């Protein structure tokens, strides 16, 4: 299956598109997916992509609350910046997963 890509499109968006198509083609009526999305101020195209997919009922995006970016003295490379940025989201991710667990599986704990 060929996935339509847009010139200059971020690789992350292309991967999300591939995953979305693969999931929907696998079992279109038996699966639902939740993707926790971390917004990056430097990459608004990801937010645009998420907004364009909100109508899809099988794939649900949860936009995590914004946290402050690491300060320049806390990282020395792009990879380290992203690592620290994700690390700063851990408490929000844990809380979101707990909330999901109680809404999707209310009697599991």
C-alpha atoms as a PDB file:
ATOM      1  CA  UNK A   1       0.000   0.000   0.000  1.00  0.00           C
ATOM      2  CA  UNK A   2       1.320   3.420  -0.927  1.00  0.00           C
ATOM      3  CA  UNK A   3       1.075   6.178   1.659  1.00  0.00           C
ATOM      4  CA  UNK A   4       0.612   9.702   0.367  1.00  0.00           C
ATOM      5  CA  UNK A   5       3.269  12.030   1.751  1.00  0.00           C
ATOM      6  CA  UNK A   6       3.604  15.758   1.492  1.00  0.00           C
ATOM      7  CA  UNK A   7       6.848  17.358   0.320  1.00  0.00           C
ATOM      8  CA  UNK A   8       8.795  18.604   3.314  1.00  0.00           C
ATOM      9  CA  UNK A   9       6.627  16.627   5.712  1.00  0.00           C
ATOM     10  CA  UNK A  10       8.207  15.719   9.026  1.00  0.00           C
ATOM     11  CA  UNK A  11       9.364  12.071   9.305  1.00  0.00           C
ATOM     12  CA  UNK A  12       7.312  11.705  12.504  1.00  0.00           C
ATOM     13  CA  UNK A  13       4.137  12.632  10.619  1.00  0.00           C
ATOM     14  CA  UNK A  14       4.965  10.105   7.894  1.00  0.00           C
ATOM     15  CA  UNK A  15       5.416   7.382  10.527  1.00  0.00           C
ATOM     16  CA  UNK A  16       2.113   8.309  12.182  1.00  0.00           C
ATOM     17  CA  UNK A  17       0.409   8.063   8.781  1.00  0.00           C
ATOM     18  CA  UNK A  18       1.900   4.602   8.152  1.00  0.00           C
ATOM     19  CA  UNK A  19       0.858   3.378  11.601  1.00  0.00           C
ATOM     20  CA  UNK A  20      -2.644   4.740  11.140  1.00  0.00           C
ATOM     21  CA  UNK A  21      -3.114   2.991   7.789  1.00  0.00           C
ATOM     22  CA  UNK A  22      -1.669  -0.280   9.096  1.00  0.00           C
ATOM     23  CA  UNK A  23      -3.958  -0.268  12.127  1.00  0.00           C
ATOM     24  CA  UNK A  24      -7.102   0.569  10.203  1.00  0.00           C
ATOM     25  CA  UNK A  25      -6.384  -2.047   7.527  1.00  0.00           C
ATOM     26  CA  UNK A  26      -5.699  -4.733  10.128  1.00  0.00           C
ATOM     27  CA  UNK A  27      -9.080  -4.824  11.908  1.00  0.00           C
ATOM     28  CA  UNK A  28     -11.077  -1.735  11.020  1.00  0.00           C
ATOM     29  CA  UNK A  29     -13.932  -2.430  13.431  1.00  0.00           C
ATOM     30  CA  UNK A  30     -12.142  -4.218  16.275  1.00  0.00           C
ATOM     31  CA  UNK A  31      -9.363  -1.956  17.360  1.00  0.00           C
ATOM     32  CA  UNK A  32      -9.003   1.402  18.908  1.00  0.00           C
ATOM     33  CA  UNK A  33      -5.725   3.153  19.577  1.00  0.00           C
ATOM     34  CA  UNK A  34      -4.821   5.960  21.942  1.00  0.00           C
ATOM     35  CA  UNK A  35      -1.740   8.010  21.128  1.00  0.00           C
ATOM     36  CA  UNK A  36      -0.319  10.345  23.749  1.00  0.00           C
ATOM     37  CA  UNK A  37       0.995  13.357  21.877  1.00  0.00           C
ATOM     38  CA  UNK A  38       3.673  15.652  23.243  1.00  0.00           C
ATOM     39  CA  UNK A  39       3.595  19.029  21.549  1.00  0.00           C
ATOM     40  CA  UNK A  40       6.881  20.585  20.631  1.00  0.00           C
ATOM     41  CA  UNK A  41       6.800  24.338  20.115  1.00  0.00           C
ATOM     42  CA  UNK A  42       9.421  23.987  17.370  1.00  0.00           C
ATOM     43  CA  UNK A  43       7.280  21.452  15.416  1.00  0.00           C
ATOM     44  CA  UNK A  44       3.733  22.808  14.994  1.00  0.00           C
ATOM     45  CA  UNK A  45       3.195  20.567  11.947  1.00  0.00           C
ATOM     46  CA  UNK A  46       2.669  17.605  14.303  1.00  0.00           C
ATOM     47  CA  UNK A  47      -0.132  19.477  16.059  1.00  0.00           C
ATOM     48  CA  UNK A  48      -1.686  20.261  12.670  1.00  0.00           C
ATOM     49  CA  UNK A  49      -1.562  16.579  11.741  1.00  0.00           C
ATOM     50  CA  UNK A  50      -3.218  15.553  14.998  1.00  0.00           C
ATOM     51  CA  UNK A  51      -5.971  18.115  14.508  1.00  0.00           C
ATOM     52  CA  UNK A  52      -6.597  16.743  11.015  1.00  0.00           C
ATOM     53  CA  UNK A  53      -7.123  13.230  12.428  1.00  0.00           C
ATOM     54  CA  UNK A  54      -9.440  13.992  15.343  1.00  0.00           C
ATOM     55  CA  UNK A  55     -12.521  12.782  13.421  1.00  0.00           C
ATOM     56  CA  UNK A  56     -11.075   9.249  13.206  1.00  0.00           C
ATOM     57  CA  UNK A  57     -12.910   7.299  15.919  1.00  0.00           C
ATOM     58  CA  UNK A  58     -10.481   4.365  15.944  1.00  0.00           C
ATOM     59  CA  UNK A  59      -7.420   6.452  16.679  1.00  0.00           C
ATOM     60  CA  UNK A  60      -7.674   8.838  19.586  1.00  0.00           C
ATOM     61  CA  UNK A  61      -5.011  11.446  20.213  1.00  0.00           C
ATOM     62  CA  UNK A  62      -4.566  12.865  23.681  1.00  0.00           C
ATOM     63  CA  UNK A  63      -2.625  16.092  23.604  1.00  0.00           C
ATOM     64  CA  UNK A  64      -0.552  16.200  26.794  1.00  0.00           C
ATOM     65  CA  UNK A  65      -0.309  19.410  28.754  1.00  0.00           C
ATOM     66  CA  UNK A  66       2.602  21.651  27.886  1.00  0.00           C
ATOM     67  CA  UNK A  67       5.641  21.623  30.147  1.00  0.00           C
ATOM     68  CA  UNK A  68       8.543  24.021  30.078  1.00  0.00           C
ATOM     69  CA  UNK A  69      11.363  23.234  27.685  1.00  0.00           C
ATOM     70  CA  UNK A  70      14.743  22.392  29.204  1.00  0.00           C
ATOM     71  CA  UNK A  71      16.974  25.393  29.756  1.00  0.00           C
ATOM     72  CA  UNK A  72      19.953  25.753  27.381  1.00  0.00           C
ATOM     73  CA  UNK A  73      22.414  24.785  30.131  1.00  0.00           C
ATOM     74  CA  UNK A  74      20.551  21.468  30.647  1.00  0.00           C
ATOM     75  CA  UNK A  75      21.379  19.952  27.249  1.00  0.00           C
ATOM     76  CA  UNK A  76      24.213  19.952  24.735  1.00  0.00           C
ATOM     77  CA  UNK A  77      22.571  18.339  21.686  1.00  0.00           C
ATOM     78  CA  UNK A  78      19.219  17.994  19.979  1.00  0.00           C
ATOM     79  CA  UNK A  79      18.858  14.410  21.189  1.00  0.00           C
ATOM     80  CA  UNK A  80      19.569  15.451  24.764  1.00  0.00           C
ATOM     81  CA  UNK A  81      17.004  18.271  24.476  1.00  0.00           C
ATOM     82  CA  UNK A  82      14.313  15.832  23.298  1.00  0.00           C
ATOM     83  CA  UNK A  83      15.267  13.317  25.985  1.00  0.00           C
ATOM     84  CA  UNK A  84      14.975  15.920  28.742  1.00  0.00           C
ATOM     85  CA  UNK A  85      11.773  17.327  27.252  1.00  0.00           C
ATOM     86  CA  UNK A  86      10.178  13.874  27.326  1.00  0.00           C
ATOM     87  CA  UNK A  87      11.557  13.264  30.815  1.00  0.00           C
ATOM     88  CA  UNK A  88       9.781  16.440  31.967  1.00  0.00           C
ATOM     89  CA  UNK A  89       6.503  14.923  30.721  1.00  0.00           C
ATOM     90  CA  UNK A  90       6.772  11.706  32.756  1.00  0.00           C
ATOM     91  CA  UNK A  91       4.446  12.810  35.595  1.00  0.00           C
ATOM     92  CA  UNK A  92       1.810  13.934  33.078  1.00  0.00           C
ATOM     93  CA  UNK A  93       2.167  10.691  31.109  1.00  0.00           C
ATOM     94  CA  UNK A  94       1.754   8.580  34.260  1.00  0.00           C
ATOM     95  CA  UNK A  95      -1.336  10.529  35.324  1.00  0.00           C
ATOM     96  CA  UNK A  96      -2.860  10.300  31.849  1.00  0.00           C
ATOM     97  CA  UNK A  97      -2.272   6.534  31.703  1.00  0.00           C
ATOM     98  CA  UNK A  98      -3.858   6.118  35.139  1.00  0.00           C
ATOM     99  CA  UNK A  99      -6.871   8.156  34.010  1.00  0.00           C
ATOM    100  CA  UNK A 100      -7.176   6.057  30.851  1.00  0.00           C
ATOM    101  CA  UNK A 101      -6.965   2.834  32.802  1.00  0.00           C
ATOM    102  CA  UNK A 102      -9.814   3.872  35.078  1.00  0.00           C
ATOM    103  CA  UNK A 103     -12.029   4.965  32.178  1.00  0.00           C
ATOM    104  CA  UNK A 104     -11.288   2.046  29.846  1.00  0.00           C
ATOM    105  CA  UNK A 105     -11.005  -0.669  32.513  1.00  0.00           C
ATOM    106  CA  UNK A 106     -12.936   0.766  35.488  1.00  0.00           C
ATOM    107  CA  UNK A 107     -12.918  -2.494  37.495  1.00  0.00           C
ATOM    108  CA  UNK A 108      -9.342  -3.591  36.877  1.00  0.00           C
ATOM    109  CA  UNK A 109      -7.796  -2.397  40.134  1.00  0.00           C
END
